[in-house]
Amino acid sequence: SNVRVGVVSVAGAQRSQLRSAFERVVGRERYFETEVPDAFQIPLTAKLLAMSNRVDAIVAAHGAVDDAAELRRAYQSVALSTNVPLVPYDAGDTLADVVDTAVKAGEARRQALNYAVAEAGGHFF
């Protein structure tokens, strides 16, 4: 897959499992990760990562939090303002589902932005 995936996580949010899973699917060169001190730092960090245009999808691995609904609203706001899908990953989600969702969302973004044509030497429009 040509999808570029970024993971923003808090300590202890299965970071090594995420890395292994994504490197198997998208490759090491298309995977980026960073860690933040707490879950409420993820939205801003994800927004900055999205604005860098280095990723096609972002996984927010926040672990257990008290107000997951508020965090998910912030994720949605980031995704809508940057046009980069943001996939939440918490204790209730399976790793395989998160990887699959992130890759599919990233592929949809790439297709919508016509990246395949541009990478083949064509024009965006």
N, C-alpha and C. Protein backbone atom coordinates (compact mmCIF):
# COMPACT_ATOMS: atom_id res chain seq x y z
N SER A 1 0.84 -1.19 0.00
CA SER A 1 0.00 0.00 0.00
C SER A 1 0.88 1.25 0.00
N ASN A 2 0.44 2.28 -0.71
CA ASN A 2 1.17 3.55 -0.76
C ASN A 2 0.73 4.52 0.33
N VAL A 3 -0.14 4.08 1.20
CA VAL A 3 -0.67 4.94 2.25
C VAL A 3 0.43 5.26 3.27
N ARG A 4 0.47 6.53 3.65
CA ARG A 4 1.41 6.99 4.69
C ARG A 4 0.60 7.18 5.96
N VAL A 5 1.02 6.48 7.02
CA VAL A 5 0.26 6.48 8.27
C VAL A 5 1.09 7.09 9.38
N GLY A 6 0.44 7.96 10.15
CA GLY A 6 1.06 8.53 11.34
C GLY A 6 0.32 8.04 12.57
N VAL A 7 1.04 7.76 13.62
CA VAL A 7 0.44 7.36 14.89
C VAL A 7 0.87 8.36 15.95
N VAL A 8 -0.12 8.91 16.64
CA VAL A 8 0.13 9.78 17.78
C VAL A 8 -0.39 9.02 18.99
N SER A 9 0.48 8.78 19.96
CA SER A 9 0.07 7.94 21.09
C SER A 9 0.55 8.50 22.41
N VAL A 10 -0.10 8.04 23.47
CA VAL A 10 0.37 8.30 24.82
C VAL A 10 1.18 7.08 25.25
N ALA A 11 2.01 7.26 26.25
CA ALA A 11 2.82 6.15 26.74
C ALA A 11 1.92 4.98 27.15
N GLY A 12 2.33 3.80 26.79
CA GLY A 12 1.59 2.61 27.17
C GLY A 12 0.39 2.30 26.29
N ALA A 13 0.25 2.95 25.17
CA ALA A 13 -0.91 2.74 24.29
C ALA A 13 -0.58 1.73 23.18
N GLN A 14 0.09 0.66 23.53
CA GLN A 14 0.44 -0.42 22.60
C GLN A 14 1.24 0.07 21.41
N ARG A 15 2.18 0.95 21.68
CA ARG A 15 2.96 1.57 20.62
C ARG A 15 3.75 0.55 19.79
N SER A 16 4.39 -0.41 20.43
CA SER A 16 5.19 -1.38 19.67
C SER A 16 4.31 -2.28 18.82
N GLN A 17 3.11 -2.63 19.31
CA GLN A 17 2.20 -3.44 18.52
C GLN A 17 1.69 -2.65 17.30
N LEU A 18 1.40 -1.37 17.51
CA LEU A 18 0.98 -0.52 16.40
C LEU A 18 2.08 -0.43 15.35
N ARG A 19 3.30 -0.19 15.78
CA ARG A 19 4.42 -0.07 14.85
C ARG A 19 4.56 -1.35 14.03
N SER A 20 4.56 -2.50 14.69
CA SER A 20 4.72 -3.77 13.98
C SER A 20 3.60 -3.99 12.97
N ALA A 21 2.38 -3.72 13.38
CA ALA A 21 1.23 -3.95 12.50
C ALA A 21 1.29 -3.04 11.28
N PHE A 22 1.57 -1.77 11.48
CA PHE A 22 1.60 -0.85 10.34
C PHE A 22 2.81 -1.06 9.45
N GLU A 23 3.94 -1.40 10.02
CA GLU A 23 5.12 -1.64 9.19
C GLU A 23 4.92 -2.87 8.30
N ARG A 24 4.16 -3.85 8.77
CA ARG A 24 3.84 -5.02 7.94
C ARG A 24 2.94 -4.62 6.76
N VAL A 25 2.02 -3.70 7.00
CA VAL A 25 1.03 -3.34 5.98
C VAL A 25 1.52 -2.24 5.05
N VAL A 26 2.10 -1.18 5.58
CA VAL A 26 2.49 -0.04 4.74
C VAL A 26 4.00 0.09 4.57
N GLY A 27 4.78 -0.61 5.36
CA GLY A 27 6.24 -0.51 5.28
C GLY A 27 6.79 0.55 6.22
N ARG A 28 8.02 0.37 6.61
CA ARG A 28 8.68 1.27 7.56
C ARG A 28 8.80 2.69 7.03
N GLU A 29 9.05 2.84 5.74
CA GLU A 29 9.26 4.17 5.16
C GLU A 29 7.97 4.99 5.06
N ARG A 30 6.83 4.35 5.21
CA ARG A 30 5.55 5.05 5.12
C ARG A 30 4.85 5.13 6.47
N TYR A 31 5.62 4.95 7.54
CA TYR A 31 5.06 4.95 8.89
C TYR A 31 5.78 5.99 9.73
N PHE A 32 5.00 6.78 10.46
CA PHE A 32 5.56 7.81 11.33
C PHE A 32 4.88 7.70 12.68
N GLU A 33 5.62 7.88 13.75
CA GLU A 33 5.01 7.86 15.08
C GLU A 33 5.60 8.92 15.98
N THR A 34 4.77 9.36 16.90
CA THR A 34 5.23 10.28 17.93
C THR A 34 4.42 10.04 19.20
N GLU A 35 4.99 10.41 20.31
CA GLU A 35 4.33 10.19 21.60
C GLU A 35 4.09 11.54 22.27
N VAL A 36 2.95 11.65 22.95
CA VAL A 36 2.60 12.87 23.68
C VAL A 36 2.40 12.51 25.16
N PRO A 37 2.49 13.51 26.05
CA PRO A 37 2.40 13.22 27.49
C PRO A 37 1.03 12.73 27.96
N ASP A 38 -0.05 13.26 27.34
CA ASP A 38 -1.38 12.79 27.74
C ASP A 38 -2.32 12.88 26.56
N ALA A 39 -3.46 12.23 26.67
CA ALA A 39 -4.39 12.08 25.55
C ALA A 39 -4.90 13.41 25.01
N PHE A 40 -5.04 14.41 25.86
CA PHE A 40 -5.59 15.68 25.39
C PHE A 40 -4.58 16.52 24.60
N GLN A 41 -3.35 16.00 24.47
CA GLN A 41 -2.35 16.62 23.58
C GLN A 41 -2.43 16.05 22.17
N ILE A 42 -3.16 14.94 22.01
CA ILE A 42 -3.22 14.28 20.71
C ILE A 42 -3.86 15.15 19.62
N PRO A 43 -5.00 15.81 19.86
CA PRO A 43 -5.60 16.58 18.76
C PRO A 43 -4.68 17.62 18.13
N LEU A 44 -4.00 18.41 18.94
CA LEU A 44 -3.10 19.43 18.38
C LEU A 44 -1.93 18.78 17.66
N THR A 45 -1.35 17.76 18.24
CA THR A 45 -0.22 17.08 17.61
C THR A 45 -0.67 16.44 16.29
N ALA A 46 -1.85 15.84 16.28
CA ALA A 46 -2.38 15.25 15.06
C ALA A 46 -2.63 16.32 14.00
N LYS A 47 -3.13 17.47 14.41
CA LYS A 47 -3.38 18.55 13.46
C LYS A 47 -2.07 19.02 12.83
N LEU A 48 -1.04 19.19 13.64
CA LEU A 48 0.26 19.61 13.11
C LEU A 48 0.83 18.56 12.16
N LEU A 49 0.68 17.29 12.52
CA LEU A 49 1.15 16.22 11.65
C LEU A 49 0.38 16.23 10.33
N ALA A 50 -0.93 16.39 10.40
CA ALA A 50 -1.75 16.44 9.18
C ALA A 50 -1.34 17.62 8.30
N MET A 51 -1.08 18.76 8.91
CA MET A 51 -0.70 19.95 8.14
C MET A 51 0.66 19.79 7.46
N SER A 52 1.49 18.89 7.95
CA SER A 52 2.80 18.65 7.34
C SER A 52 2.69 17.93 6.00
N ASN A 53 1.53 17.35 5.72
CA ASN A 53 1.27 16.57 4.51
C ASN A 53 2.19 15.38 4.37
N ARG A 54 2.64 14.84 5.50
CA ARG A 54 3.51 13.65 5.50
C ARG A 54 2.72 12.37 5.65
N VAL A 55 1.43 12.47 5.96
CA VAL A 55 0.62 11.28 6.20
C VAL A 55 -0.72 11.38 5.47
N ASP A 56 -1.30 10.21 5.19
CA ASP A 56 -2.62 10.14 4.57
C ASP A 56 -3.70 9.79 5.59
N ALA A 57 -3.31 9.24 6.72
CA ALA A 57 -4.23 8.91 7.80
C ALA A 57 -3.45 8.95 9.11
N ILE A 58 -4.17 9.26 10.18
CA ILE A 58 -3.55 9.33 11.50
C ILE A 58 -4.33 8.44 12.45
N VAL A 59 -3.59 7.68 13.26
CA VAL A 59 -4.20 6.88 14.32
C VAL A 59 -3.91 7.58 15.64
N ALA A 60 -4.96 7.82 16.40
CA ALA A 60 -4.84 8.45 17.72
C ALA A 60 -4.98 7.37 18.78
N ALA A 61 -3.87 6.93 19.32
CA ALA A 61 -3.86 5.86 20.32
C ALA A 61 -3.83 6.49 21.71
N HIS A 62 -5.03 6.67 22.27
CA HIS A 62 -5.11 7.42 23.51
C HIS A 62 -5.26 6.57 24.76
N GLY A 63 -5.48 5.28 24.63
CA GLY A 63 -5.66 4.45 25.82
C GLY A 63 -6.93 4.83 26.55
N ALA A 64 -7.02 4.48 27.81
CA ALA A 64 -8.21 4.77 28.61
C ALA A 64 -8.21 6.24 29.04
N VAL A 65 -9.34 6.92 28.81
CA VAL A 65 -9.50 8.31 29.23
C VAL A 65 -10.86 8.48 29.89
N ASP A 66 -10.99 9.53 30.70
CA ASP A 66 -12.25 9.79 31.39
C ASP A 66 -13.34 10.31 30.47
N ASP A 67 -12.98 11.14 29.50
CA ASP A 67 -13.98 11.74 28.64
C ASP A 67 -13.67 11.43 27.17
N ALA A 68 -13.89 10.19 26.79
CA ALA A 68 -13.59 9.76 25.43
C ALA A 68 -14.46 10.48 24.40
N ALA A 69 -15.69 10.82 24.76
CA ALA A 69 -16.58 11.51 23.82
C ALA A 69 -16.02 12.88 23.44
N GLU A 70 -15.50 13.61 24.41
CA GLU A 70 -14.91 14.92 24.12
C GLU A 70 -13.68 14.77 23.22
N LEU A 71 -12.88 13.77 23.51
CA LEU A 71 -11.68 13.53 22.72
C LEU A 71 -12.05 13.16 21.27
N ARG A 72 -13.05 12.34 21.11
CA ARG A 72 -13.48 11.95 19.75
C ARG A 72 -14.03 13.15 18.98
N ARG A 73 -14.71 14.06 19.66
CA ARG A 73 -15.18 15.29 18.98
C ARG A 73 -13.99 16.12 18.51
N ALA A 74 -12.96 16.19 19.33
CA ALA A 74 -11.76 16.93 18.93
C ALA A 74 -11.09 16.26 17.74
N TYR A 75 -11.06 14.92 17.72
CA TYR A 75 -10.49 14.20 16.59
C TYR A 75 -11.27 14.51 15.31
N GLN A 76 -12.59 14.52 15.42
CA GLN A 76 -13.42 14.80 14.26
C GLN A 76 -13.15 16.21 13.73
N SER A 77 -13.00 17.15 14.63
CA SER A 77 -12.70 18.51 14.24
C SER A 77 -11.38 18.60 13.49
N VAL A 78 -10.36 17.89 13.99
CA VAL A 78 -9.06 17.87 13.32
C VAL A 78 -9.19 17.26 11.93
N ALA A 79 -9.88 16.14 11.82
CA ALA A 79 -10.03 15.47 10.53
C ALA A 79 -10.75 16.37 9.53
N LEU A 80 -11.80 17.03 9.96
CA LEU A 80 -12.57 17.88 9.06
C LEU A 80 -11.80 19.14 8.66
N SER A 81 -10.97 19.66 9.54
CA SER A 81 -10.25 20.89 9.22
C SER A 81 -8.97 20.65 8.42
N THR A 82 -8.47 19.42 8.43
CA THR A 82 -7.21 19.14 7.73
C THR A 82 -7.38 18.21 6.52
N ASN A 83 -8.55 17.61 6.39
CA ASN A 83 -8.80 16.62 5.32
C ASN A 83 -7.91 15.39 5.43
N VAL A 84 -7.50 15.07 6.64
CA VAL A 84 -6.74 13.85 6.91
C VAL A 84 -7.55 13.02 7.90
N PRO A 85 -7.94 11.79 7.51
CA PRO A 85 -8.72 10.96 8.42
C PRO A 85 -7.96 10.68 9.72
N LEU A 86 -8.68 10.72 10.82
CA LEU A 86 -8.10 10.45 12.13
C LEU A 86 -8.88 9.29 12.75
N VAL A 87 -8.19 8.19 12.98
CA VAL A 87 -8.81 6.97 13.48
C VAL A 87 -8.47 6.80 14.96
N PRO A 88 -9.46 6.83 15.85
CA PRO A 88 -9.18 6.63 17.27
C PRO A 88 -8.87 5.17 17.58
N TYR A 89 -7.99 4.96 18.53
CA TYR A 89 -7.65 3.61 18.99
C TYR A 89 -7.62 3.62 20.50
N ASP A 90 -8.59 2.95 21.09
CA ASP A 90 -8.61 2.85 22.55
C ASP A 90 -8.79 1.40 22.96
N ALA A 91 -8.97 1.17 24.22
CA ALA A 91 -9.00 -0.18 24.78
C ALA A 91 -10.10 -1.06 24.17
N GLY A 92 -11.17 -0.47 23.67
CA GLY A 92 -12.26 -1.26 23.12
C GLY A 92 -12.08 -1.68 21.67
N ASP A 93 -11.05 -1.21 21.01
CA ASP A 93 -10.85 -1.48 19.59
C ASP A 93 -9.83 -2.60 19.39
N THR A 94 -10.01 -3.38 18.32
CA THR A 94 -9.00 -4.39 17.99
C THR A 94 -7.95 -3.76 17.09
N LEU A 95 -6.73 -4.18 17.25
CA LEU A 95 -5.63 -3.63 16.47
C LEU A 95 -5.85 -3.86 14.97
N ALA A 96 -6.30 -5.03 14.60
CA ALA A 96 -6.52 -5.34 13.19
C ALA A 96 -7.56 -4.40 12.57
N ASP A 97 -8.63 -4.11 13.32
CA ASP A 97 -9.67 -3.21 12.81
C ASP A 97 -9.14 -1.79 12.63
N VAL A 98 -8.33 -1.34 13.58
CA VAL A 98 -7.77 0.01 13.50
C VAL A 98 -6.83 0.13 12.30
N VAL A 99 -5.98 -0.87 12.11
CA VAL A 99 -5.05 -0.85 10.97
C VAL A 99 -5.84 -0.84 9.67
N ASP A 100 -6.83 -1.72 9.57
CA ASP A 100 -7.64 -1.80 8.35
C ASP A 100 -8.37 -0.48 8.07
N THR A 101 -8.97 0.10 9.10
CA THR A 101 -9.70 1.35 8.95
C THR A 101 -8.77 2.48 8.52
N ALA A 102 -7.62 2.58 9.16
CA ALA A 102 -6.67 3.65 8.82
C ALA A 102 -6.17 3.52 7.38
N VAL A 103 -5.84 2.31 6.97
CA VAL A 103 -5.33 2.11 5.61
C VAL A 103 -6.43 2.43 4.59
N LYS A 104 -7.64 1.96 4.83
CA LYS A 104 -8.74 2.24 3.90
C LYS A 104 -9.05 3.73 3.84
N ALA A 105 -9.03 4.40 4.98
CA ALA A 105 -9.30 5.84 5.01
C ALA A 105 -8.19 6.60 4.28
N GLY A 106 -6.95 6.18 4.49
CA GLY A 106 -5.83 6.81 3.79
C GLY A 106 -5.90 6.59 2.28
N GLU A 107 -6.30 5.38 1.87
CA GLU A 107 -6.45 5.10 0.44
C GLU A 107 -7.56 5.97 -0.16
N ALA A 108 -8.64 6.12 0.57
CA ALA A 108 -9.74 6.97 0.09
C ALA A 108 -9.27 8.41 -0.08
N ARG A 109 -8.49 8.90 0.87
CA ARG A 109 -7.95 10.26 0.78
C ARG A 109 -7.05 10.41 -0.43
N ARG A 110 -6.16 9.44 -0.63
CA ARG A 110 -5.24 9.49 -1.77
C ARG A 110 -6.01 9.48 -3.08
N GLN A 111 -7.05 8.65 -3.15
CA GLN A 111 -7.85 8.58 -4.37
C GLN A 111 -8.60 9.90 -4.60
N ALA A 112 -9.16 10.45 -3.54
CA ALA A 112 -9.90 11.71 -3.67
C ALA A 112 -9.00 12.85 -4.11
N LEU A 113 -7.75 12.83 -3.66
CA LEU A 113 -6.81 13.88 -4.03
C LEU A 113 -6.02 13.55 -5.29
N ASN A 114 -6.35 12.41 -5.88
CA ASN A 114 -5.76 12.01 -7.15
C ASN A 114 -4.24 11.82 -7.06
N TYR A 115 -3.75 11.31 -5.94
CA TYR A 115 -2.31 11.11 -5.77
C TYR A 115 -1.73 10.09 -6.72
N ALA A 116 -2.48 9.06 -7.08
CA ALA A 116 -1.95 8.02 -7.96
C ALA A 116 -1.55 8.61 -9.31
N VAL A 117 -2.35 9.51 -9.84
CA VAL A 117 -2.04 10.15 -11.12
C VAL A 117 -0.79 11.02 -10.99
N ALA A 118 -0.72 11.78 -9.92
CA ALA A 118 0.43 12.67 -9.72
C ALA A 118 1.73 11.87 -9.55
N GLU A 119 1.67 10.74 -8.82
CA GLU A 119 2.86 9.93 -8.63
C GLU A 119 3.32 9.27 -9.92
N ALA A 120 2.40 9.07 -10.85
CA ALA A 120 2.75 8.47 -12.14
C ALA A 120 3.22 9.52 -13.14
N GLY A 121 3.36 10.76 -12.70
CA GLY A 121 3.87 11.82 -13.58
C GLY A 121 2.78 12.62 -14.27
N GLY A 122 1.54 12.39 -13.88
CA GLY A 122 0.43 13.13 -14.48
C GLY A 122 0.19 14.43 -13.75
N HIS A 123 -0.98 14.98 -13.95
CA HIS A 123 -1.36 16.23 -13.33
C HIS A 123 -2.49 16.01 -12.35
N PHE A 124 -2.56 16.83 -11.34
CA PHE A 124 -3.64 16.71 -10.36
C PHE A 124 -5.00 16.97 -10.97
N PHE A 125 -5.10 17.95 -11.87
CA PHE A 125 -6.42 18.34 -12.39
C PHE A 125 -6.46 18.20 -13.90
